[in-house]
């Protein structure tokens, strides 16, 4: 991971839900927002396939991920840090 502070890249925090693939982790990122019509708060989550070059992330870890150039069809994010 080269100097990641040079350009603006989106940063997300999430929980690792799968680490079974080599150099790949699946991270679940949740967000909470207010519904436009019903004014009710809604929880929504999305899973991202993340490039983890040295397989440091384990299931249940809290991690920070950043946008990157595509590594494969699904992997467009990189692991920045493991926060436990």
N, C-alpha and C. Protein backbone atom coordinates (compact mmCIF):
# COMPACT_ATOMS: atom_id res chain seq x y z
N UNK A 1 0.84 -1.18 0.00
CA UNK A 1 0.00 0.00 0.00
C UNK A 1 0.88 1.24 0.00
N UNK A 2 0.95 1.90 -1.16
CA UNK A 2 1.74 3.09 -1.30
C UNK A 2 1.17 4.21 -0.44
N UNK A 3 1.75 5.37 -0.58
CA UNK A 3 1.31 6.52 0.21
C UNK A 3 -0.16 6.82 -0.07
N UNK A 4 -1.02 6.38 0.84
CA UNK A 4 -2.46 6.46 0.62
C UNK A 4 -3.02 7.84 0.95
N UNK A 5 -2.21 8.71 1.53
CA UNK A 5 -2.71 10.03 1.91
C UNK A 5 -2.56 11.04 0.78
N UNK A 6 -1.94 10.67 -0.34
CA UNK A 6 -1.74 11.60 -1.45
C UNK A 6 -3.06 12.06 -2.04
N UNK A 7 -3.91 11.13 -2.44
CA UNK A 7 -5.20 11.45 -3.06
C UNK A 7 -6.33 11.18 -2.10
N UNK A 8 -7.45 11.84 -2.35
CA UNK A 8 -8.64 11.55 -1.55
C UNK A 8 -9.19 10.20 -1.97
N UNK A 9 -9.39 9.34 -1.02
CA UNK A 9 -10.02 8.06 -1.27
C UNK A 9 -11.10 7.86 -0.22
N UNK A 10 -12.20 7.23 -0.62
CA UNK A 10 -13.27 6.98 0.34
C UNK A 10 -12.78 6.01 1.39
N UNK A 11 -13.14 6.26 2.63
CA UNK A 11 -12.75 5.43 3.75
C UNK A 11 -14.01 4.91 4.42
N UNK A 12 -14.06 3.61 4.71
CA UNK A 12 -15.21 3.03 5.39
C UNK A 12 -14.73 2.15 6.52
N UNK A 13 -15.54 2.04 7.57
CA UNK A 13 -15.27 1.14 8.68
C UNK A 13 -16.31 0.04 8.67
N UNK A 14 -15.85 -1.19 8.93
CA UNK A 14 -16.78 -2.31 8.94
C UNK A 14 -16.23 -3.51 9.68
N UNK A 15 -16.97 -4.59 9.65
CA UNK A 15 -16.62 -5.82 10.35
C UNK A 15 -16.38 -6.92 9.33
N UNK A 16 -15.30 -7.67 9.53
CA UNK A 16 -14.98 -8.77 8.62
C UNK A 16 -15.94 -9.92 8.87
N UNK A 17 -16.63 -10.38 7.81
CA UNK A 17 -17.56 -11.48 7.93
C UNK A 17 -17.03 -12.76 7.30
N UNK A 18 -15.98 -12.65 6.46
CA UNK A 18 -15.39 -13.84 5.84
C UNK A 18 -13.94 -13.55 5.50
N UNK A 19 -13.08 -14.55 5.77
CA UNK A 19 -11.67 -14.44 5.40
C UNK A 19 -11.17 -15.74 4.78
N UNK A 20 -12.10 -16.52 4.21
CA UNK A 20 -11.75 -17.85 3.73
C UNK A 20 -10.97 -17.84 2.42
N UNK A 21 -11.10 -16.80 1.62
CA UNK A 21 -10.36 -16.71 0.37
C UNK A 21 -8.95 -16.19 0.62
N UNK A 22 -8.01 -16.56 -0.27
CA UNK A 22 -6.64 -16.10 -0.14
C UNK A 22 -6.55 -14.64 -0.60
N UNK A 23 -5.95 -13.78 0.23
CA UNK A 23 -5.74 -12.36 -0.05
C UNK A 23 -7.04 -11.59 -0.24
N UNK A 24 -8.15 -12.11 0.27
CA UNK A 24 -9.45 -11.45 0.15
C UNK A 24 -10.20 -11.57 1.46
N UNK A 25 -10.85 -10.50 1.85
CA UNK A 25 -11.74 -10.52 3.00
C UNK A 25 -13.05 -9.88 2.57
N UNK A 26 -14.14 -10.30 3.19
CA UNK A 26 -15.45 -9.69 2.93
C UNK A 26 -15.80 -8.87 4.17
N UNK A 27 -16.04 -7.58 3.94
CA UNK A 27 -16.30 -6.64 5.03
C UNK A 27 -17.72 -6.12 4.92
N UNK A 28 -18.44 -6.18 6.03
CA UNK A 28 -19.82 -5.68 6.09
C UNK A 28 -19.80 -4.28 6.68
N UNK A 29 -20.30 -3.32 5.89
CA UNK A 29 -20.33 -1.92 6.32
C UNK A 29 -21.78 -1.51 6.51
N UNK A 30 -22.09 -1.01 7.68
CA UNK A 30 -23.46 -0.59 7.98
C UNK A 30 -23.58 0.92 7.99
N UNK A 31 -24.78 1.38 7.64
CA UNK A 31 -25.05 2.81 7.73
C UNK A 31 -26.47 3.00 8.25
N UNK A 32 -26.71 4.16 8.86
CA UNK A 32 -28.01 4.47 9.44
C UNK A 32 -28.45 5.81 8.88
N UNK A 33 -29.68 5.85 8.37
CA UNK A 33 -30.18 7.08 7.78
C UNK A 33 -31.67 7.21 8.05
N UNK A 34 -32.15 8.41 7.85
CA UNK A 34 -33.57 8.69 8.07
C UNK A 34 -34.32 8.52 6.76
N UNK A 35 -35.39 7.73 6.77
CA UNK A 35 -36.20 7.50 5.59
C UNK A 35 -36.88 8.81 5.17
N UNK A 36 -36.85 9.08 3.87
CA UNK A 36 -37.37 10.35 3.38
C UNK A 36 -38.85 10.54 3.59
N UNK A 37 -39.63 9.50 3.38
CA UNK A 37 -41.07 9.64 3.46
C UNK A 37 -41.61 9.40 4.88
N UNK A 38 -41.09 8.36 5.54
CA UNK A 38 -41.66 7.95 6.83
C UNK A 38 -40.92 8.50 8.04
N UNK A 39 -39.81 9.19 7.83
CA UNK A 39 -39.01 9.80 8.90
C UNK A 39 -38.59 8.79 9.97
N UNK A 40 -38.45 7.54 9.56
CA UNK A 40 -38.02 6.50 10.48
C UNK A 40 -36.54 6.23 10.19
N UNK A 41 -35.77 5.96 11.24
CA UNK A 41 -34.36 5.63 11.04
C UNK A 41 -34.23 4.19 10.57
N UNK A 42 -33.43 4.00 9.52
CA UNK A 42 -33.29 2.70 8.89
C UNK A 42 -31.82 2.28 8.95
N UNK A 43 -31.58 1.01 9.28
CA UNK A 43 -30.24 0.44 9.24
C UNK A 43 -30.09 -0.34 7.94
N UNK A 44 -29.00 -0.09 7.23
CA UNK A 44 -28.75 -0.78 5.98
C UNK A 44 -27.29 -1.19 5.95
N UNK A 45 -27.00 -2.35 5.36
CA UNK A 45 -25.61 -2.78 5.29
C UNK A 45 -25.28 -3.26 3.89
N UNK A 46 -24.00 -3.28 3.59
CA UNK A 46 -23.52 -3.71 2.30
C UNK A 46 -22.20 -4.43 2.51
N UNK A 47 -21.94 -5.45 1.70
CA UNK A 47 -20.70 -6.21 1.81
C UNK A 47 -19.74 -5.80 0.70
N UNK A 48 -18.49 -5.63 1.07
CA UNK A 48 -17.44 -5.27 0.12
C UNK A 48 -16.36 -6.35 0.14
N UNK A 49 -15.88 -6.73 -1.05
CA UNK A 49 -14.74 -7.63 -1.16
C UNK A 49 -13.49 -6.77 -1.12
N UNK A 50 -12.58 -7.10 -0.21
CA UNK A 50 -11.43 -6.25 0.09
C UNK A 50 -10.14 -7.01 -0.17
N UNK A 51 -9.17 -6.33 -0.80
CA UNK A 51 -7.85 -6.93 -1.02
C UNK A 51 -7.06 -6.86 0.28
N UNK A 52 -6.66 -8.02 0.78
CA UNK A 52 -5.88 -8.14 2.02
C UNK A 52 -4.61 -8.92 1.67
N UNK A 53 -3.56 -8.23 1.27
CA UNK A 53 -2.37 -8.86 0.69
C UNK A 53 -1.68 -9.86 1.62
N UNK A 54 -1.68 -9.61 2.92
CA UNK A 54 -0.96 -10.51 3.83
C UNK A 54 -1.90 -11.29 4.76
N UNK A 55 -3.18 -11.32 4.45
CA UNK A 55 -4.17 -12.08 5.21
C UNK A 55 -4.16 -11.75 6.71
N UNK A 56 -4.19 -10.47 7.04
CA UNK A 56 -4.16 -10.06 8.45
C UNK A 56 -5.55 -10.02 9.08
N UNK A 57 -6.58 -9.77 8.29
CA UNK A 57 -7.94 -9.63 8.84
C UNK A 57 -8.55 -10.99 9.14
N UNK A 58 -9.14 -11.11 10.31
CA UNK A 58 -9.82 -12.33 10.73
C UNK A 58 -11.29 -12.02 10.97
N UNK A 59 -12.13 -13.03 10.95
CA UNK A 59 -13.58 -12.85 11.14
C UNK A 59 -13.84 -12.17 12.48
N UNK A 60 -14.66 -11.12 12.44
CA UNK A 60 -15.02 -10.41 13.66
C UNK A 60 -14.19 -9.17 13.90
N UNK A 61 -13.10 -8.97 13.17
CA UNK A 61 -12.26 -7.79 13.35
C UNK A 61 -12.95 -6.54 12.82
N UNK A 62 -12.73 -5.43 13.48
CA UNK A 62 -13.19 -4.13 13.01
C UNK A 62 -12.07 -3.56 12.15
N UNK A 63 -12.36 -3.22 10.90
CA UNK A 63 -11.32 -2.79 9.97
C UNK A 63 -11.71 -1.48 9.28
N UNK A 64 -10.69 -0.82 8.73
CA UNK A 64 -10.87 0.36 7.91
C UNK A 64 -10.42 0.02 6.50
N UNK A 65 -11.27 0.35 5.51
CA UNK A 65 -10.93 0.05 4.12
C UNK A 65 -10.96 1.33 3.29
N UNK A 66 -10.21 1.33 2.17
CA UNK A 66 -10.19 2.49 1.29
C UNK A 66 -10.41 2.03 -0.14
N UNK A 67 -10.89 2.95 -0.97
CA UNK A 67 -11.07 2.68 -2.39
C UNK A 67 -9.72 2.47 -3.05
N UNK A 68 -9.70 1.65 -4.10
CA UNK A 68 -8.45 1.44 -4.84
C UNK A 68 -8.78 1.11 -6.29
N UNK A 69 -7.75 0.98 -7.07
CA UNK A 69 -7.93 0.52 -8.45
C UNK A 69 -8.40 -0.93 -8.38
N UNK A 70 -9.16 -1.40 -9.34
CA UNK A 70 -9.68 -2.77 -9.27
C UNK A 70 -8.57 -3.82 -9.24
N UNK A 71 -8.69 -4.77 -8.29
CA UNK A 71 -7.77 -5.90 -8.20
C UNK A 71 -8.34 -7.09 -8.96
N UNK A 72 -9.65 -7.17 -9.03
CA UNK A 72 -10.34 -8.23 -9.76
C UNK A 72 -11.75 -7.74 -10.05
N UNK A 73 -12.62 -8.66 -10.48
CA UNK A 73 -13.98 -8.27 -10.83
C UNK A 73 -14.72 -7.65 -9.63
N UNK A 74 -14.55 -8.22 -8.46
CA UNK A 74 -15.28 -7.76 -7.28
C UNK A 74 -14.46 -6.89 -6.33
N UNK A 75 -13.14 -7.04 -6.34
CA UNK A 75 -12.30 -6.34 -5.36
C UNK A 75 -11.89 -4.96 -5.86
N UNK A 76 -12.51 -3.93 -5.29
CA UNK A 76 -12.17 -2.55 -5.63
C UNK A 76 -11.83 -1.76 -4.38
N UNK A 77 -11.56 -2.46 -3.30
CA UNK A 77 -11.22 -1.85 -2.01
C UNK A 77 -9.97 -2.54 -1.46
N UNK A 78 -9.21 -1.80 -0.63
CA UNK A 78 -8.03 -2.34 0.02
C UNK A 78 -8.16 -2.19 1.52
N UNK A 79 -7.53 -3.09 2.24
CA UNK A 79 -7.50 -3.02 3.70
C UNK A 79 -6.50 -1.96 4.11
N UNK A 80 -6.92 -0.99 4.92
CA UNK A 80 -6.02 0.05 5.40
C UNK A 80 -5.48 -0.30 6.76
N UNK A 81 -6.36 -0.70 7.68
CA UNK A 81 -5.90 -1.05 9.02
C UNK A 81 -6.90 -1.98 9.70
N UNK A 82 -6.39 -2.74 10.66
CA UNK A 82 -7.23 -3.60 11.50
C UNK A 82 -7.33 -2.94 12.85
N UNK A 83 -8.53 -2.61 13.27
CA UNK A 83 -8.74 -1.85 14.52
C UNK A 83 -9.13 -2.74 15.69
N UNK A 84 -9.36 -4.01 15.45
CA UNK A 84 -9.80 -5.00 16.46
C UNK A 84 -11.09 -4.56 17.00
